[in-house]
């Protein structure tokens, strides 16, 4: 399962729908446990870098994402 990180910004459902359209299991989540259990992580950006980082920090997702990267999980982001 691919974790699409939900940090309160962007149209994440369109990213999820795109994955599902091509048969890839992906889910929108703000759960650190789901990010840890995912096979890959997608962090869609919306162009407001400062706001994105603040929301990721406020939701305690920066550590979960960092751990996923350190474990070598595929990671796609666009900020």
PDB file of N, CA and C in Angstrom:
ATOM      1  N   UNK A   1       0.838  -1.169   0.000  1.00  0.00           N
ATOM      2  CA  UNK A   1       0.000   0.000   0.000  1.00  0.00           C
ATOM      3  C   UNK A   1       0.886   1.237   0.000  1.00  0.00           C
ATOM      4  N   UNK A   2       0.521   2.209  -0.808  1.00  0.00           N
ATOM      5  CA  UNK A   2       1.203   3.493  -0.845  1.00  0.00           C
ATOM      6  C   UNK A   2       0.456   4.458   0.069  1.00  0.00           C
ATOM      7  N   UNK A   3       1.191   5.136   0.941  1.00  0.00           N
ATOM      8  CA  UNK A   3       0.598   6.134   1.833  1.00  0.00           C
ATOM      9  C   UNK A   3       0.703   7.504   1.178  1.00  0.00           C
ATOM     10  N   UNK A   4      -0.425   8.139   0.948  1.00  0.00           N
ATOM     11  CA  UNK A   4      -0.474   9.515   0.471  1.00  0.00           C
ATOM     12  C   UNK A   4      -0.686  10.364   1.723  1.00  0.00           C
ATOM     13  N   UNK A   5       0.323  11.151   2.088  1.00  0.00           N
ATOM     14  CA  UNK A   5       0.309  11.864   3.364  1.00  0.00           C
ATOM     15  C   UNK A   5      -0.701  13.007   3.334  1.00  0.00           C
ATOM     16  N   UNK A   6      -1.657  12.923   4.257  1.00  0.00           N
ATOM     17  CA  UNK A   6      -2.691  13.948   4.405  1.00  0.00           C
ATOM     18  C   UNK A   6      -2.257  14.907   5.503  1.00  0.00           C
ATOM     19  N   UNK A   7      -1.897  16.111   5.110  1.00  0.00           N
ATOM     20  CA  UNK A   7      -1.492  17.113   6.086  1.00  0.00           C
ATOM     21  C   UNK A   7      -2.351  18.365   5.959  1.00  0.00           C
ATOM     22  N   UNK A   8      -3.578  18.167   5.468  1.00  0.00           N
ATOM     23  CA  UNK A   8      -4.566  19.231   5.450  1.00  0.00           C
ATOM     24  C   UNK A   8      -4.438  20.222   4.312  1.00  0.00           C
ATOM     25  N   UNK A   9      -3.698  19.868   3.282  1.00  0.00           N
ATOM     26  CA  UNK A   9      -3.527  20.775   2.154  1.00  0.00           C
ATOM     27  C   UNK A   9      -3.583  19.972   0.856  1.00  0.00           C
ATOM     28  N   UNK A  10      -4.053  20.581  -0.189  1.00  0.00           N
ATOM     29  CA  UNK A  10      -4.046  19.962  -1.506  1.00  0.00           C
ATOM     30  C   UNK A  10      -5.241  19.058  -1.748  1.00  0.00           C
ATOM     31  N   UNK A  11      -5.389  18.663  -2.979  1.00  0.00           N
ATOM     32  CA  UNK A  11      -6.464  17.763  -3.383  1.00  0.00           C
ATOM     33  C   UNK A  11      -5.912  16.347  -3.423  1.00  0.00           C
ATOM     34  N   UNK A  12      -5.798  15.760  -2.254  1.00  0.00           N
ATOM     35  CA  UNK A  12      -5.170  14.453  -2.131  1.00  0.00           C
ATOM     36  C   UNK A  12      -6.018  13.336  -2.720  1.00  0.00           C
ATOM     37  N   UNK A  13      -7.298  13.512  -2.722  1.00  0.00           N
ATOM     38  CA  UNK A  13      -8.188  12.467  -3.259  1.00  0.00           C
ATOM     39  C   UNK A  13      -7.957  12.266  -4.750  1.00  0.00           C
ATOM     40  N   UNK A  14      -7.564  13.314  -5.476  1.00  0.00           N
ATOM     41  CA  UNK A  14      -7.296  13.134  -6.902  1.00  0.00           C
ATOM     42  C   UNK A  14      -6.038  12.301  -7.103  1.00  0.00           C
ATOM     43  N   UNK A  15      -5.051  12.442  -6.217  1.00  0.00           N
ATOM     44  CA  UNK A  15      -3.845  11.615  -6.285  1.00  0.00           C
ATOM     45  C   UNK A  15      -4.217  10.160  -6.001  1.00  0.00           C
ATOM     46  N   UNK A  16      -5.014   9.957  -4.962  1.00  0.00           N
ATOM     47  CA  UNK A  16      -5.467   8.605  -4.609  1.00  0.00           C
ATOM     48  C   UNK A  16      -6.250   7.987  -5.771  1.00  0.00           C
ATOM     49  N   UNK A  17      -7.142   8.744  -6.348  1.00  0.00           N
ATOM     50  CA  UNK A  17      -7.959   8.246  -7.460  1.00  0.00           C
ATOM     51  C   UNK A  17      -7.085   7.872  -8.656  1.00  0.00           C
ATOM     52  N   UNK A  18      -6.050   8.655  -8.923  1.00  0.00           N
ATOM     53  CA  UNK A  18      -5.133   8.351 -10.021  1.00  0.00           C
ATOM     54  C   UNK A  18      -4.423   7.025  -9.819  1.00  0.00           C
ATOM     55  N   UNK A  19      -3.946   6.777  -8.600  1.00  0.00           N
ATOM     56  CA  UNK A  19      -3.314   5.484  -8.303  1.00  0.00           C
ATOM     57  C   UNK A  19      -4.299   4.345  -8.481  1.00  0.00           C
ATOM     58  N   UNK A  20      -5.491   4.499  -7.945  1.00  0.00           N
ATOM     59  CA  UNK A  20      -6.496   3.438  -8.032  1.00  0.00           C
ATOM     60  C   UNK A  20      -6.890   3.163  -9.483  1.00  0.00           C
ATOM     61  N   UNK A  21      -6.918   4.200 -10.299  1.00  0.00           N
ATOM     62  CA  UNK A  21      -7.279   4.057 -11.717  1.00  0.00           C
ATOM     63  C   UNK A  21      -6.325   3.118 -12.442  1.00  0.00           C
ATOM     64  N   UNK A  22      -5.058   3.120 -12.033  1.00  0.00           N
ATOM     65  CA  UNK A  22      -4.070   2.240 -12.672  1.00  0.00           C
ATOM     66  C   UNK A  22      -3.813   0.973 -11.854  1.00  0.00           C
ATOM     67  N   UNK A  23      -4.682   0.717 -10.866  1.00  0.00           N
ATOM     68  CA  UNK A  23      -4.631  -0.537 -10.124  1.00  0.00           C
ATOM     69  C   UNK A  23      -3.631  -0.593  -8.983  1.00  0.00           C
ATOM     70  N   UNK A  24      -3.230   0.555  -8.483  1.00  0.00           N
ATOM     71  CA  UNK A  24      -2.272   0.597  -7.373  1.00  0.00           C
ATOM     72  C   UNK A  24      -3.020   0.899  -6.081  1.00  0.00           C
ATOM     73  N   UNK A  25      -2.736   0.101  -5.047  1.00  0.00           N
ATOM     74  CA  UNK A  25      -3.358   0.285  -3.738  1.00  0.00           C
ATOM     75  C   UNK A  25      -2.720   1.485  -3.049  1.00  0.00           C
ATOM     76  N   UNK A  26      -3.478   2.549  -2.892  1.00  0.00           N
ATOM     77  CA  UNK A  26      -3.000   3.765  -2.233  1.00  0.00           C
ATOM     78  C   UNK A  26      -4.111   4.310  -1.355  1.00  0.00           C
ATOM     79  N   UNK A  27      -3.698   4.925  -0.251  1.00  0.00           N
ATOM     80  CA  UNK A  27      -4.679   5.495   0.653  1.00  0.00           C
ATOM     81  C   UNK A  27      -4.186   6.816   1.213  1.00  0.00           C
ATOM     82  N   UNK A  28      -5.099   7.742   1.401  1.00  0.00           N
ATOM     83  CA  UNK A  28      -4.801   9.031   2.015  1.00  0.00           C
ATOM     84  C   UNK A  28      -4.821   8.819   3.521  1.00  0.00           C
ATOM     85  N   UNK A  29      -3.750   9.252   4.210  1.00  0.00           N
ATOM     86  CA  UNK A  29      -3.661   9.010   5.644  1.00  0.00           C
ATOM     87  C   UNK A  29      -2.859  10.091   6.350  1.00  0.00           C
ATOM     88  N   UNK A  30      -3.179  10.309   7.599  1.00  0.00           N
ATOM     89  CA  UNK A  30      -2.368  11.156   8.465  1.00  0.00           C
ATOM     90  C   UNK A  30      -1.895  10.345   9.673  1.00  0.00           C
ATOM     91  N   UNK A  31      -1.895   9.043   9.520  1.00  0.00           N
ATOM     92  CA  UNK A  31      -1.488   8.140  10.596  1.00  0.00           C
ATOM     93  C   UNK A  31      -0.005   7.780  10.470  1.00  0.00           C
ATOM     94  N   UNK A  32       0.809   8.120  11.493  1.00  0.00           N
ATOM     95  CA  UNK A  32       2.206   7.706  11.451  1.00  0.00           C
ATOM     96  C   UNK A  32       2.366   6.186  11.302  1.00  0.00           C
ATOM     97  N   UNK A  33       1.483   5.417  11.920  1.00  0.00           N
ATOM     98  CA  UNK A  33       1.558   3.949  11.809  1.00  0.00           C
ATOM     99  C   UNK A  33       1.314   3.495  10.374  1.00  0.00           C
ATOM    100  N   UNK A  34       0.351   4.110   9.687  1.00  0.00           N
ATOM    101  CA  UNK A  34       0.080   3.741   8.296  1.00  0.00           C
ATOM    102  C   UNK A  34       1.267   4.100   7.400  1.00  0.00           C
ATOM    103  N   UNK A  35       1.902   5.241   7.676  1.00  0.00           N
ATOM    104  CA  UNK A  35       3.089   5.628   6.913  1.00  0.00           C
ATOM    105  C   UNK A  35       4.200   4.612   7.149  1.00  0.00           C
ATOM    106  N   UNK A  36       4.368   4.186   8.394  1.00  0.00           N
ATOM    107  CA  UNK A  36       5.396   3.199   8.730  1.00  0.00           C
ATOM    108  C   UNK A  36       5.136   1.864   8.045  1.00  0.00           C
ATOM    109  N   UNK A  37       3.873   1.479   7.914  1.00  0.00           N
ATOM    110  CA  UNK A  37       3.521   0.187   7.318  1.00  0.00           C
ATOM    111  C   UNK A  37       3.420   0.219   5.798  1.00  0.00           C
ATOM    112  N   UNK A  38       3.458   1.389   5.210  1.00  0.00           N
ATOM    113  CA  UNK A  38       3.307   1.518   3.758  1.00  0.00           C
ATOM    114  C   UNK A  38       4.549   1.020   3.026  1.00  0.00           C
ATOM    115  N   UNK A  39       4.343   0.615   1.779  1.00  0.00           N
ATOM    116  CA  UNK A  39       5.479   0.197   0.952  1.00  0.00           C
ATOM    117  C   UNK A  39       6.168   1.391   0.314  1.00  0.00           C
ATOM    118  N   UNK A  40       5.458   2.512   0.211  1.00  0.00           N
ATOM    119  CA  UNK A  40       5.998   3.744  -0.364  1.00  0.00           C
ATOM    120  C   UNK A  40       5.204   4.917   0.188  1.00  0.00           C
ATOM    121  N   UNK A  41       5.790   6.110   0.075  1.00  0.00           N
ATOM    122  CA  UNK A  41       5.171   7.314   0.621  1.00  0.00           C
ATOM    123  C   UNK A  41       5.117   8.388  -0.452  1.00  0.00           C
ATOM    124  N   UNK A  42       3.960   9.036  -0.574  1.00  0.00           N
ATOM    125  CA  UNK A  42       3.793  10.165  -1.483  1.00  0.00           C
ATOM    126  C   UNK A  42       3.404  11.374  -0.645  1.00  0.00           C
ATOM    127  N   UNK A  43       4.150  12.463  -0.838  1.00  0.00           N
ATOM    128  CA  UNK A  43       3.865  13.702  -0.132  1.00  0.00           C
ATOM    129  C   UNK A  43       3.594  14.777  -1.179  1.00  0.00           C
ATOM    130  N   UNK A  44       2.321  14.905  -1.588  1.00  0.00           N
ATOM    131  CA  UNK A  44       1.988  15.901  -2.610  1.00  0.00           C
ATOM    132  C   UNK A  44       2.159  17.314  -2.055  1.00  0.00           C
ATOM    133  N   UNK A  45       2.614  18.209  -2.874  1.00  0.00           N
ATOM    134  CA  UNK A  45       2.794  19.590  -2.458  1.00  0.00           C
ATOM    135  C   UNK A  45       1.765  20.493  -3.096  1.00  0.00           C
ATOM    136  N   UNK A  46       1.645  21.676  -2.537  1.00  0.00           N
ATOM    137  CA  UNK A  46       0.683  22.637  -3.066  1.00  0.00           C
ATOM    138  C   UNK A  46       1.321  23.994  -3.340  1.00  0.00           C
ATOM    139  N   UNK A  47       2.636  24.089  -3.185  1.00  0.00           N
ATOM    140  CA  UNK A  47       3.322  25.333  -3.477  1.00  0.00           C
ATOM    141  C   UNK A  47       3.483  26.282  -2.303  1.00  0.00           C
ATOM    142  N   UNK A  48       2.889  26.004  -1.176  1.00  0.00           N
ATOM    143  CA  UNK A  48       2.997  26.854   0.013  1.00  0.00           C
ATOM    144  C   UNK A  48       3.898  26.150   1.027  1.00  0.00           C
ATOM    145  N   UNK A  49       5.194  26.168   0.753  1.00  0.00           N
ATOM    146  CA  UNK A  49       6.156  25.369   1.516  1.00  0.00           C
ATOM    147  C   UNK A  49       6.053  25.607   3.019  1.00  0.00           C
ATOM    148  N   UNK A  50       6.051  26.849   3.443  1.00  0.00           N
ATOM    149  CA  UNK A  50       6.024  27.149   4.873  1.00  0.00           C
ATOM    150  C   UNK A  50       4.775  26.572   5.541  1.00  0.00           C
ATOM    151  N   UNK A  51       3.625  26.732   4.892  1.00  0.00           N
ATOM    152  CA  UNK A  51       2.377  26.188   5.432  1.00  0.00           C
ATOM    153  C   UNK A  51       2.409  24.668   5.478  1.00  0.00           C
ATOM    154  N   UNK A  52       2.960  24.057   4.445  1.00  0.00           N
ATOM    155  CA  UNK A  52       3.051  22.592   4.398  1.00  0.00           C
ATOM    156  C   UNK A  52       3.887  22.061   5.554  1.00  0.00           C
ATOM    157  N   UNK A  53       5.063  22.642   5.742  1.00  0.00           N
ATOM    158  CA  UNK A  53       5.945  22.184   6.811  1.00  0.00           C
ATOM    159  C   UNK A  53       5.296  22.396   8.175  1.00  0.00           C
ATOM    160  N   UNK A  54       4.630  23.522   8.367  1.00  0.00           N
ATOM    161  CA  UNK A  54       3.943  23.783   9.645  1.00  0.00           C
ATOM    162  C   UNK A  54       2.883  22.707   9.904  1.00  0.00           C
ATOM    163  N   UNK A  55       2.083  22.392   8.890  1.00  0.00           N
ATOM    164  CA  UNK A  55       1.037  21.380   9.067  1.00  0.00           C
ATOM    165  C   UNK A  55       1.637  20.004   9.331  1.00  0.00           C
ATOM    166  N   UNK A  56       2.679  19.640   8.604  1.00  0.00           N
ATOM    167  CA  UNK A  56       3.337  18.349   8.842  1.00  0.00           C
ATOM    168  C   UNK A  56       3.865  18.269  10.269  1.00  0.00           C
ATOM    169  N   UNK A  57       4.437  19.349  10.746  1.00  0.00           N
ATOM    170  CA  UNK A  57       4.966  19.390  12.111  1.00  0.00           C
ATOM    171  C   UNK A  57       3.834  19.335  13.129  1.00  0.00           C
ATOM    172  N   UNK A  58       2.797  20.122  12.911  1.00  0.00           N
ATOM    173  CA  UNK A  58       1.665  20.142  13.847  1.00  0.00           C
ATOM    174  C   UNK A  58       0.984  18.780  13.957  1.00  0.00           C
ATOM    175  N   UNK A  59       0.983  18.013  12.873  1.00  0.00           N
ATOM    176  CA  UNK A  59       0.356  16.691  12.867  1.00  0.00           C
ATOM    177  C   UNK A  59       1.327  15.580  13.275  1.00  0.00           C
ATOM    178  N   UNK A  60       2.533  15.966  13.674  1.00  0.00           N
ATOM    179  CA  UNK A  60       3.575  15.010  14.097  1.00  0.00           C
ATOM    180  C   UNK A  60       3.915  13.999  13.005  1.00  0.00           C
ATOM    181  N   UNK A  61       3.920  14.451  11.754  1.00  0.00           N
ATOM    182  CA  UNK A  61       4.200  13.545  10.641  1.00  0.00           C
ATOM    183  C   UNK A  61       5.646  13.628  10.150  1.00  0.00           C
ATOM    184  N   UNK A  62       6.405  14.627  10.551  1.00  0.00           N
ATOM    185  CA  UNK A  62       7.776  14.752  10.053  1.00  0.00           C
ATOM    186  C   UNK A  62       8.637  13.566  10.486  1.00  0.00           C
ATOM    187  N   UNK A  63       8.473  13.109  11.708  1.00  0.00           N
ATOM    188  CA  UNK A  63       9.255  11.967  12.187  1.00  0.00           C
ATOM    189  C   UNK A  63       8.885  10.693  11.436  1.00  0.00           C
ATOM    190  N   UNK A  64       7.592  10.456  11.219  1.00  0.00           N
ATOM    191  CA  UNK A  64       7.156   9.252  10.495  1.00  0.00           C
ATOM    192  C   UNK A  64       7.697   9.252   9.068  1.00  0.00           C
ATOM    193  N   UNK A  65       7.670  10.404   8.416  1.00  0.00           N
ATOM    194  CA  UNK A  65       8.175  10.494   7.049  1.00  0.00           C
ATOM    195  C   UNK A  65       9.691  10.295   7.034  1.00  0.00           C
ATOM    196  N   UNK A  66      10.395  10.899   7.972  1.00  0.00           N
ATOM    197  CA  UNK A  66      11.848  10.733   8.062  1.00  0.00           C
ATOM    198  C   UNK A  66      12.226   9.276   8.261  1.00  0.00           C
ATOM    199  N   UNK A  67      11.498   8.577   9.133  1.00  0.00           N
ATOM    200  CA  UNK A  67      11.767   7.156   9.365  1.00  0.00           C
ATOM    201  C   UNK A  67      11.553   6.339   8.096  1.00  0.00           C
ATOM    202  N   UNK A  68      10.490   6.655   7.358  1.00  0.00           N
ATOM    203  CA  UNK A  68      10.210   5.930   6.111  1.00  0.00           C
ATOM    204  C   UNK A  68      11.359   6.112   5.123  1.00  0.00           C
ATOM    205  N   UNK A  69      11.871   7.317   5.010  1.00  0.00           N
ATOM    206  CA  UNK A  69      12.985   7.590   4.098  1.00  0.00           C
ATOM    207  C   UNK A  69      14.234   6.856   4.566  1.00  0.00           C
ATOM    208  N   UNK A  70      14.511   6.886   5.863  1.00  0.00           N
ATOM    209  CA  UNK A  70      15.687   6.206   6.400  1.00  0.00           C
ATOM    210  C   UNK A  70      15.630   4.698   6.191  1.00  0.00           C
ATOM    211  N   UNK A  71      14.425   4.141   6.177  1.00  0.00           N
ATOM    212  CA  UNK A  71      14.256   2.706   5.924  1.00  0.00           C
ATOM    213  C   UNK A  71      14.423   2.364   4.445  1.00  0.00           C
ATOM    214  N   UNK A  72      14.552   3.396   3.599  1.00  0.00           N
ATOM    215  CA  UNK A  72      14.726   3.176   2.172  1.00  0.00           C
ATOM    216  C   UNK A  72      13.442   2.986   1.394  1.00  0.00           C
ATOM    217  N   UNK A  73      12.313   3.373   1.981  1.00  0.00           N
ATOM    218  CA  UNK A  73      11.045   3.251   1.272  1.00  0.00           C
ATOM    219  C   UNK A  73      11.022   4.249   0.119  1.00  0.00           C
ATOM    220  N   UNK A  74      10.479   3.855  -1.017  1.00  0.00           N
ATOM    221  CA  UNK A  74      10.333   4.814  -2.111  1.00  0.00           C
ATOM    222  C   UNK A  74       9.530   6.031  -1.625  1.00  0.00           C
ATOM    223  N   UNK A  75       9.987   7.182  -2.016  1.00  0.00           N
ATOM    224  CA  UNK A  75       9.416   8.419  -1.503  1.00  0.00           C
ATOM    225  C   UNK A  75       9.300   9.418  -2.642  1.00  0.00           C
ATOM    226  N   UNK A  76       8.094   9.890  -2.859  1.00  0.00           N
ATOM    227  CA  UNK A  76       7.839  10.864  -3.912  1.00  0.00           C
ATOM    228  C   UNK A  76       7.246  12.103  -3.278  1.00  0.00           C
ATOM    229  N   UNK A  77       7.846  13.236  -3.557  1.00  0.00           N
ATOM    230  CA  UNK A  77       7.314  14.472  -3.008  1.00  0.00           C
ATOM    231  C   UNK A  77       7.432  15.591  -4.028  1.00  0.00           C
ATOM    232  N   UNK A  78       6.595  16.570  -3.827  1.00  0.00           N
ATOM    233  CA  UNK A  78       6.624  17.754  -4.672  1.00  0.00           C
ATOM    234  C   UNK A  78       6.165  18.921  -3.815  1.00  0.00           C
ATOM    235  N   UNK A  79       7.099  19.741  -3.378  1.00  0.00           N
ATOM    236  CA  UNK A  79       6.768  20.917  -2.566  1.00  0.00           C
ATOM    237  C   UNK A  79       7.090  22.164  -3.345  1.00  0.00           C
TER     238      UNK A  79
END
